[in-house]
Amino acid sequence: MKVLLRKDYESLGQSGDVVDVKPGFARNFLIPQQIVLPLTKGNKKILEEEQIQTLMQGKRVQLDSEELAKKLEKVSVTATVTVGEDDRIFGTVTNQNISDLLREKGFEIDKKVISLDEPVKALGIYPVTIKLHQNVETKIKLWVVKG
C-alpha cells in the first residue's frame, strides 16, 4: 500500500515521502497514529498545506525566540547561597534554580533549555547558555553570592 508520510518516521523516511508499506501496518498503526495518509490527490494537497502551515509556524516561533534572546542578553541573575569553608557552596546551583530566578524576572524559561559550561560549586560569575530554538541561542550571566 502506498502512503504519504505526514511526520518523519525513523524506519520509513522523512515527512512528505511516498513509501510502500504493508496494508495491515498502515491500517492498524500508521493511519490511527496520524503518521501517514493514504496516497490520493486530495491527501497530497492536504499534506502540502500542512507542510506550509508547519513552516510558517516554525518561522513564527523562531522570530519570537530571536526577540526573546535579545531581551535575555541584557539579563543577569543572582543566586544567593549559603557557603562553608573556602567559600564553597552547599550543593550546586542547578538549571531549575536558574529557571526559577528567571521566572522572578518575568521570563518563563524551561530548565531543559538551560545549560551550564561547568557545575556551579563556588562563588563567582558563570556564563549560562539558553537554547531557545534550534537556531537561536543566547547567554546570560549568573552571579553566585553569599547569603
N, C-alpha and C. Protein backbone atom coordinates (compact mmCIF):
# COMPACT_ATOMS: atom_id res chain seq x y z
N MET A 1 0.86 -1.18 0.00
CA MET A 1 0.00 0.00 0.00
C MET A 1 0.90 1.24 0.00
N LYS A 2 0.64 2.15 -0.88
CA LYS A 2 1.41 3.40 -0.95
C LYS A 2 0.75 4.44 -0.05
N VAL A 3 1.61 5.09 0.75
CA VAL A 3 1.13 6.10 1.69
C VAL A 3 2.07 7.32 1.67
N LEU A 4 1.54 8.44 2.14
CA LEU A 4 2.30 9.69 2.29
C LEU A 4 2.67 9.85 3.76
N LEU A 5 3.93 10.11 4.04
CA LEU A 5 4.36 10.34 5.42
C LEU A 5 4.01 11.76 5.84
N ARG A 6 3.27 11.89 6.94
CA ARG A 6 2.95 13.20 7.49
C ARG A 6 4.04 13.68 8.43
N LYS A 7 4.72 12.73 9.06
CA LYS A 7 5.77 13.04 10.03
C LYS A 7 7.00 12.23 9.66
N ASP A 8 8.15 12.66 10.14
CA ASP A 8 9.37 11.86 9.98
C ASP A 8 9.19 10.58 10.78
N TYR A 9 9.51 9.45 10.18
CA TYR A 9 9.42 8.16 10.87
C TYR A 9 10.71 7.42 10.58
N GLU A 10 11.41 7.05 11.63
CA GLU A 10 12.78 6.56 11.52
C GLU A 10 12.96 5.44 10.50
N SER A 11 12.12 4.43 10.53
CA SER A 11 12.33 3.29 9.64
C SER A 11 11.70 3.46 8.26
N LEU A 12 10.93 4.54 8.04
CA LEU A 12 10.26 4.72 6.75
C LEU A 12 10.82 5.87 5.93
N GLY A 13 11.05 7.03 6.54
CA GLY A 13 11.57 8.17 5.78
C GLY A 13 11.17 9.49 6.39
N GLN A 14 11.27 10.54 5.57
CA GLN A 14 11.00 11.92 6.00
C GLN A 14 9.58 12.32 5.65
N SER A 15 9.11 13.37 6.30
CA SER A 15 7.79 13.92 6.03
C SER A 15 7.68 14.30 4.55
N GLY A 16 6.57 13.90 3.93
CA GLY A 16 6.34 14.20 2.52
C GLY A 16 6.74 13.08 1.58
N ASP A 17 7.47 12.08 2.06
CA ASP A 17 7.89 10.95 1.22
C ASP A 17 6.71 10.03 0.92
N VAL A 18 6.74 9.43 -0.25
CA VAL A 18 5.78 8.39 -0.61
C VAL A 18 6.48 7.05 -0.38
N VAL A 19 5.90 6.23 0.48
CA VAL A 19 6.51 4.94 0.81
C VAL A 19 5.50 3.82 0.62
N ASP A 20 6.03 2.62 0.45
CA ASP A 20 5.20 1.44 0.28
C ASP A 20 5.29 0.62 1.56
N VAL A 21 4.15 0.39 2.22
CA VAL A 21 4.10 -0.38 3.45
C VAL A 21 3.04 -1.46 3.33
N LYS A 22 3.09 -2.42 4.23
CA LYS A 22 2.07 -3.47 4.25
C LYS A 22 0.74 -2.86 4.66
N PRO A 23 -0.35 -3.31 4.03
CA PRO A 23 -1.67 -2.72 4.32
C PRO A 23 -2.07 -2.80 5.79
N GLY A 24 -1.77 -3.91 6.45
CA GLY A 24 -2.13 -4.05 7.86
C GLY A 24 -1.39 -3.07 8.74
N PHE A 25 -0.09 -2.86 8.46
CA PHE A 25 0.73 -1.91 9.22
C PHE A 25 0.18 -0.50 9.06
N ALA A 26 -0.20 -0.16 7.84
CA ALA A 26 -0.75 1.17 7.58
C ALA A 26 -2.10 1.33 8.27
N ARG A 27 -2.99 0.35 8.07
CA ARG A 27 -4.36 0.44 8.57
C ARG A 27 -4.42 0.38 10.10
N ASN A 28 -3.59 -0.46 10.72
CA ASN A 28 -3.69 -0.68 12.15
C ASN A 28 -2.80 0.22 13.01
N PHE A 29 -1.72 0.73 12.42
CA PHE A 29 -0.80 1.53 13.23
C PHE A 29 -0.56 2.93 12.67
N LEU A 30 -0.08 3.01 11.44
CA LEU A 30 0.36 4.29 10.89
C LEU A 30 -0.77 5.30 10.72
N ILE A 31 -1.90 4.86 10.17
CA ILE A 31 -3.02 5.79 9.95
C ILE A 31 -3.66 6.22 11.28
N PRO A 32 -3.95 5.29 12.23
CA PRO A 32 -4.50 5.75 13.51
C PRO A 32 -3.57 6.68 14.30
N GLN A 33 -2.25 6.49 14.17
CA GLN A 33 -1.28 7.35 14.86
C GLN A 33 -1.06 8.66 14.10
N GLN A 34 -1.71 8.83 12.97
CA GLN A 34 -1.62 10.01 12.11
C GLN A 34 -0.19 10.25 11.64
N ILE A 35 0.50 9.16 11.34
CA ILE A 35 1.86 9.24 10.81
C ILE A 35 1.82 9.30 9.30
N VAL A 36 0.83 8.65 8.69
CA VAL A 36 0.71 8.62 7.24
C VAL A 36 -0.72 8.95 6.81
N LEU A 37 -0.85 9.26 5.52
CA LEU A 37 -2.14 9.39 4.85
C LEU A 37 -2.12 8.46 3.64
N PRO A 38 -3.27 7.86 3.29
CA PRO A 38 -3.30 7.07 2.06
C PRO A 38 -2.96 7.96 0.86
N LEU A 39 -2.30 7.41 -0.13
CA LEU A 39 -1.85 8.18 -1.29
C LEU A 39 -3.02 8.47 -2.22
N THR A 40 -3.49 9.72 -2.18
CA THR A 40 -4.52 10.21 -3.11
C THR A 40 -4.16 11.65 -3.47
N LYS A 41 -4.78 12.16 -4.55
CA LYS A 41 -4.50 13.55 -4.93
C LYS A 41 -4.94 14.52 -3.84
N GLY A 42 -6.11 14.26 -3.25
CA GLY A 42 -6.62 15.13 -2.18
C GLY A 42 -5.69 15.13 -0.98
N ASN A 43 -5.18 13.96 -0.61
CA ASN A 43 -4.28 13.88 0.53
C ASN A 43 -2.94 14.54 0.25
N LYS A 44 -2.50 14.52 -1.03
CA LYS A 44 -1.27 15.23 -1.38
C LYS A 44 -1.43 16.72 -1.13
N LYS A 45 -2.58 17.27 -1.50
CA LYS A 45 -2.84 18.68 -1.28
C LYS A 45 -2.93 18.99 0.22
N ILE A 46 -3.57 18.09 0.97
CA ILE A 46 -3.67 18.28 2.41
C ILE A 46 -2.27 18.30 3.03
N LEU A 47 -1.42 17.37 2.61
CA LEU A 47 -0.06 17.29 3.15
C LEU A 47 0.75 18.53 2.80
N GLU A 48 0.61 19.02 1.56
CA GLU A 48 1.32 20.23 1.17
C GLU A 48 0.88 21.42 2.02
N GLU A 49 -0.43 21.52 2.27
CA GLU A 49 -0.95 22.61 3.09
C GLU A 49 -0.44 22.49 4.53
N GLU A 50 -0.40 21.26 5.07
CA GLU A 50 0.13 21.06 6.42
C GLU A 50 1.60 21.47 6.51
N GLN A 51 2.37 21.12 5.48
CA GLN A 51 3.79 21.47 5.49
C GLN A 51 3.99 22.98 5.43
N ILE A 52 3.16 23.67 4.64
CA ILE A 52 3.24 25.13 4.58
C ILE A 52 2.90 25.74 5.94
N GLN A 53 1.84 25.22 6.58
CA GLN A 53 1.44 25.73 7.90
C GLN A 53 2.54 25.48 8.93
N THR A 54 3.14 24.28 8.88
CA THR A 54 4.22 23.95 9.82
C THR A 54 5.42 24.86 9.60
N LEU A 55 5.76 25.12 8.35
CA LEU A 55 6.88 26.01 8.04
C LEU A 55 6.61 27.43 8.54
N MET A 56 5.39 27.92 8.31
CA MET A 56 5.05 29.27 8.78
C MET A 56 5.08 29.35 10.30
N GLN A 57 4.57 28.31 10.98
CA GLN A 57 4.58 28.30 12.43
C GLN A 57 6.01 28.23 12.95
N GLY A 58 6.85 27.44 12.29
CA GLY A 58 8.26 27.35 12.68
C GLY A 58 8.96 28.69 12.54
N LYS A 59 8.68 29.42 11.47
CA LYS A 59 9.27 30.76 11.28
C LYS A 59 8.80 31.70 12.39
N ARG A 60 7.51 31.62 12.72
CA ARG A 60 6.96 32.49 13.75
C ARG A 60 7.62 32.19 15.11
N VAL A 61 7.77 30.91 15.42
CA VAL A 61 8.42 30.53 16.68
C VAL A 61 9.86 30.99 16.70
N GLN A 62 10.57 30.88 15.58
CA GLN A 62 11.96 31.32 15.52
C GLN A 62 12.05 32.82 15.72
N LEU A 63 11.17 33.59 15.10
CA LEU A 63 11.19 35.05 15.27
C LEU A 63 10.91 35.43 16.72
N ASP A 64 9.94 34.74 17.36
CA ASP A 64 9.65 35.01 18.77
C ASP A 64 10.86 34.66 19.64
N SER A 65 11.54 33.57 19.31
CA SER A 65 12.72 33.16 20.07
C SER A 65 13.84 34.17 19.92
N GLU A 66 14.03 34.70 18.70
CA GLU A 66 15.07 35.71 18.49
C GLU A 66 14.77 36.98 19.28
N GLU A 67 13.50 37.35 19.33
CA GLU A 67 13.11 38.54 20.10
C GLU A 67 13.37 38.33 21.59
N LEU A 68 13.02 37.15 22.10
CA LEU A 68 13.26 36.83 23.50
C LEU A 68 14.76 36.78 23.80
N ALA A 69 15.55 36.27 22.85
CA ALA A 69 17.00 36.19 23.03
C ALA A 69 17.60 37.58 23.19
N LYS A 70 17.11 38.55 22.42
CA LYS A 70 17.62 39.92 22.53
C LYS A 70 17.33 40.50 23.92
N LYS A 71 16.14 40.18 24.45
CA LYS A 71 15.79 40.67 25.79
C LYS A 71 16.65 39.98 26.85
N LEU A 72 16.89 38.68 26.69
CA LEU A 72 17.65 37.93 27.68
C LEU A 72 19.12 38.30 27.71
N GLU A 73 19.68 38.79 26.59
CA GLU A 73 21.09 39.17 26.56
C GLU A 73 21.41 40.23 27.60
N LYS A 74 20.43 41.04 27.94
CA LYS A 74 20.64 42.14 28.88
C LYS A 74 20.40 41.72 30.33
N VAL A 75 20.01 40.46 30.54
CA VAL A 75 19.62 40.00 31.87
C VAL A 75 20.78 39.27 32.55
N SER A 76 20.90 39.51 33.84
CA SER A 76 21.79 38.69 34.66
C SER A 76 21.00 38.33 35.92
N VAL A 77 21.25 37.14 36.43
CA VAL A 77 20.53 36.68 37.62
C VAL A 77 21.52 36.45 38.75
N THR A 78 21.03 36.61 39.97
CA THR A 78 21.87 36.45 41.15
C THR A 78 21.30 35.34 42.02
N ALA A 79 22.12 34.33 42.28
CA ALA A 79 21.74 33.25 43.17
C ALA A 79 22.43 33.48 44.51
N THR A 80 21.64 33.60 45.56
CA THR A 80 22.18 33.79 46.90
C THR A 80 22.23 32.42 47.57
N VAL A 81 23.43 32.01 47.99
CA VAL A 81 23.61 30.67 48.54
C VAL A 81 24.31 30.73 49.89
N THR A 82 24.17 29.66 50.66
CA THR A 82 24.93 29.55 51.90
C THR A 82 26.25 28.87 51.60
N VAL A 83 27.30 29.35 52.27
CA VAL A 83 28.64 28.84 51.98
C VAL A 83 29.28 28.25 53.23
N GLY A 84 30.24 27.38 52.98
CA GLY A 84 31.01 26.78 54.08
C GLY A 84 32.43 27.30 54.03
N GLU A 85 33.37 26.43 54.35
CA GLU A 85 34.77 26.80 54.32
C GLU A 85 35.23 27.09 52.90
N ASP A 86 36.21 27.96 52.77
CA ASP A 86 36.80 28.32 51.48
C ASP A 86 35.77 28.82 50.47
N ASP A 87 34.71 29.40 50.96
CA ASP A 87 33.63 29.93 50.10
C ASP A 87 33.07 28.89 49.15
N ARG A 88 33.02 27.63 49.56
CA ARG A 88 32.40 26.59 48.75
C ARG A 88 30.94 26.50 49.16
N ILE A 89 30.08 26.43 48.18
CA ILE A 89 28.65 26.42 48.48
C ILE A 89 28.18 25.01 48.82
N PHE A 90 27.09 24.94 49.57
CA PHE A 90 26.48 23.66 49.89
C PHE A 90 25.62 23.25 48.71
N GLY A 91 25.93 22.12 48.08
CA GLY A 91 25.20 21.69 46.89
C GLY A 91 25.68 22.43 45.66
N THR A 92 24.80 22.58 44.68
CA THR A 92 25.13 23.32 43.46
C THR A 92 23.95 24.18 43.06
N VAL A 93 24.21 25.12 42.18
CA VAL A 93 23.14 25.89 41.57
C VAL A 93 22.74 25.13 40.31
N THR A 94 21.48 24.72 40.23
CA THR A 94 21.03 23.86 39.13
C THR A 94 20.27 24.65 38.07
N ASN A 95 19.97 23.97 36.99
CA ASN A 95 19.17 24.57 35.92
C ASN A 95 17.80 25.01 36.45
N GLN A 96 17.23 24.22 37.36
CA GLN A 96 15.93 24.58 37.95
C GLN A 96 16.04 25.87 38.75
N ASN A 97 17.12 26.04 39.50
CA ASN A 97 17.33 27.28 40.24
C ASN A 97 17.40 28.47 39.30
N ILE A 98 18.12 28.31 38.21
CA ILE A 98 18.26 29.40 37.23
C ILE A 98 16.91 29.71 36.59
N SER A 99 16.15 28.66 36.27
CA SER A 99 14.82 28.84 35.70
C SER A 99 13.92 29.62 36.66
N ASP A 100 14.00 29.28 37.96
CA ASP A 100 13.20 30.00 38.96
C ASP A 100 13.62 31.45 39.07
N LEU A 101 14.93 31.72 39.03
CA LEU A 101 15.42 33.10 39.08
C LEU A 101 14.95 33.91 37.87
N LEU A 102 14.95 33.27 36.71
CA LEU A 102 14.46 33.96 35.51
C LEU A 102 12.95 34.19 35.59
N ARG A 103 12.23 33.25 36.18
CA ARG A 103 10.78 33.41 36.34
C ARG A 103 10.48 34.62 37.22
N GLU A 104 11.29 34.84 38.26
CA GLU A 104 11.11 36.01 39.12
C GLU A 104 11.29 37.30 38.35
N LYS A 105 12.12 37.26 37.30
CA LYS A 105 12.35 38.46 36.48
C LYS A 105 11.34 38.57 35.34
N GLY A 106 10.40 37.61 35.24
CA GLY A 106 9.34 37.69 34.23
C GLY A 106 9.59 36.88 32.97
N PHE A 107 10.56 35.98 32.98
CA PHE A 107 10.85 35.15 31.81
C PHE A 107 10.52 33.69 32.12
N GLU A 108 9.64 33.10 31.35
CA GLU A 108 9.28 31.69 31.52
C GLU A 108 10.22 30.85 30.66
N ILE A 109 11.30 30.37 31.25
CA ILE A 109 12.29 29.57 30.54
C ILE A 109 12.31 28.18 31.16
N ASP A 110 12.15 27.15 30.34
CA ASP A 110 12.16 25.77 30.82
C ASP A 110 13.58 25.36 31.21
N LYS A 111 13.71 24.60 32.27
CA LYS A 111 15.04 24.21 32.74
C LYS A 111 15.77 23.33 31.73
N LYS A 112 15.05 22.69 30.83
CA LYS A 112 15.67 21.79 29.85
C LYS A 112 16.48 22.54 28.79
N VAL A 113 16.19 23.80 28.57
CA VAL A 113 16.92 24.57 27.55
C VAL A 113 18.10 25.34 28.12
N ILE A 114 18.30 25.24 29.43
CA ILE A 114 19.39 25.93 30.10
C ILE A 114 20.56 24.98 30.24
N SER A 115 21.76 25.44 29.87
CA SER A 115 22.94 24.60 30.06
C SER A 115 24.07 25.43 30.65
N LEU A 116 24.78 24.78 31.55
CA LEU A 116 25.92 25.41 32.22
C LEU A 116 27.19 24.80 31.65
N ASP A 117 28.22 25.64 31.47
CA ASP A 117 29.50 25.15 30.96
C ASP A 117 30.19 24.24 31.98
N GLU A 118 29.96 24.52 33.24
CA GLU A 118 30.60 23.75 34.31
C GLU A 118 29.65 23.75 35.51
N PRO A 119 29.74 22.76 36.39
CA PRO A 119 28.88 22.77 37.59
C PRO A 119 29.20 23.97 38.47
N VAL A 120 28.18 24.56 39.05
CA VAL A 120 28.35 25.76 39.88
C VAL A 120 28.49 25.30 41.33
N LYS A 121 29.73 25.27 41.82
CA LYS A 121 30.01 24.80 43.17
C LYS A 121 30.79 25.81 44.00
N ALA A 122 30.96 27.02 43.47
CA ALA A 122 31.70 28.05 44.20
C ALA A 122 31.11 29.42 43.86
N LEU A 123 31.48 30.41 44.66
CA LEU A 123 31.03 31.78 44.39
C LEU A 123 31.69 32.29 43.12
N GLY A 124 31.01 33.18 42.41
CA GLY A 124 31.61 33.76 41.22
C GLY A 124 30.57 34.11 40.17
N ILE A 125 31.07 34.37 38.97
CA ILE A 125 30.23 34.72 37.83
C ILE A 125 30.35 33.59 36.82
N TYR A 126 29.21 33.09 36.34
CA TYR A 126 29.21 31.96 35.41
C TYR A 126 28.38 32.30 34.17
N PRO A 127 28.88 31.91 32.98
CA PRO A 127 28.06 32.08 31.78
C PRO A 127 27.03 30.94 31.70
N VAL A 128 25.80 31.30 31.35
CA VAL A 128 24.73 30.32 31.21
C VAL A 128 24.19 30.42 29.79
N THR A 129 24.16 29.28 29.09
CA THR A 129 23.65 29.24 27.73
C THR A 129 22.20 28.81 27.75
N ILE A 130 21.36 29.53 27.01
CA ILE A 130 19.95 29.19 26.90
C ILE A 130 19.65 28.98 25.42
N LYS A 131 19.23 27.77 25.07
CA LYS A 131 18.91 27.44 23.68
C LYS A 131 17.40 27.52 23.52
N LEU A 132 16.93 28.63 22.95
CA LEU A 132 15.50 28.89 22.82
C LEU A 132 14.87 28.18 21.63
N HIS A 133 15.65 27.94 20.60
CA HIS A 133 15.18 27.32 19.36
C HIS A 133 16.39 26.62 18.77
N GLN A 134 16.18 25.73 17.82
CA GLN A 134 17.34 25.02 17.27
C GLN A 134 18.34 25.96 16.62
N ASN A 135 17.90 27.14 16.19
CA ASN A 135 18.80 28.11 15.56
C ASN A 135 19.05 29.34 16.43
N VAL A 136 18.44 29.41 17.62
CA VAL A 136 18.54 30.60 18.45
C VAL A 136 19.09 30.23 19.82
N GLU A 137 20.21 30.86 20.16
CA GLU A 137 20.88 30.60 21.43
C GLU A 137 21.34 31.94 22.00
N THR A 138 21.26 32.07 23.32
CA THR A 138 21.70 33.30 23.96
C THR A 138 22.44 32.95 25.24
N LYS A 139 23.17 33.92 25.78
CA LYS A 139 23.90 33.72 27.04
C LYS A 139 23.48 34.78 28.03
N ILE A 140 23.41 34.36 29.29
CA ILE A 140 23.18 35.30 30.39
C ILE A 140 24.28 35.08 31.42
N LYS A 141 24.38 36.00 32.37
CA LYS A 141 25.37 35.85 33.45
C LYS A 141 24.66 35.43 34.73
N LEU A 142 25.27 34.47 35.41
CA LEU A 142 24.79 34.01 36.71
C LEU A 142 25.80 34.46 37.76
N TRP A 143 25.33 35.25 38.69
CA TRP A 143 26.16 35.70 39.80
C TRP A 143 25.81 34.84 41.00
N VAL A 144 26.79 34.18 41.57
CA VAL A 144 26.58 33.37 42.77
C VAL A 144 27.25 34.11 43.93
N VAL A 145 26.43 34.52 44.90
CA VAL A 145 26.92 35.33 46.01
C VAL A 145 26.53 34.71 47.36
N LYS A 146 27.25 35.12 48.42
CA LYS A 146 26.94 34.66 49.78
C LYS A 146 25.59 35.21 50.22
N GLY A 147 24.91 34.40 51.02
CA GLY A 147 23.62 34.86 51.51
C GLY A 147 23.51 34.91 52.99
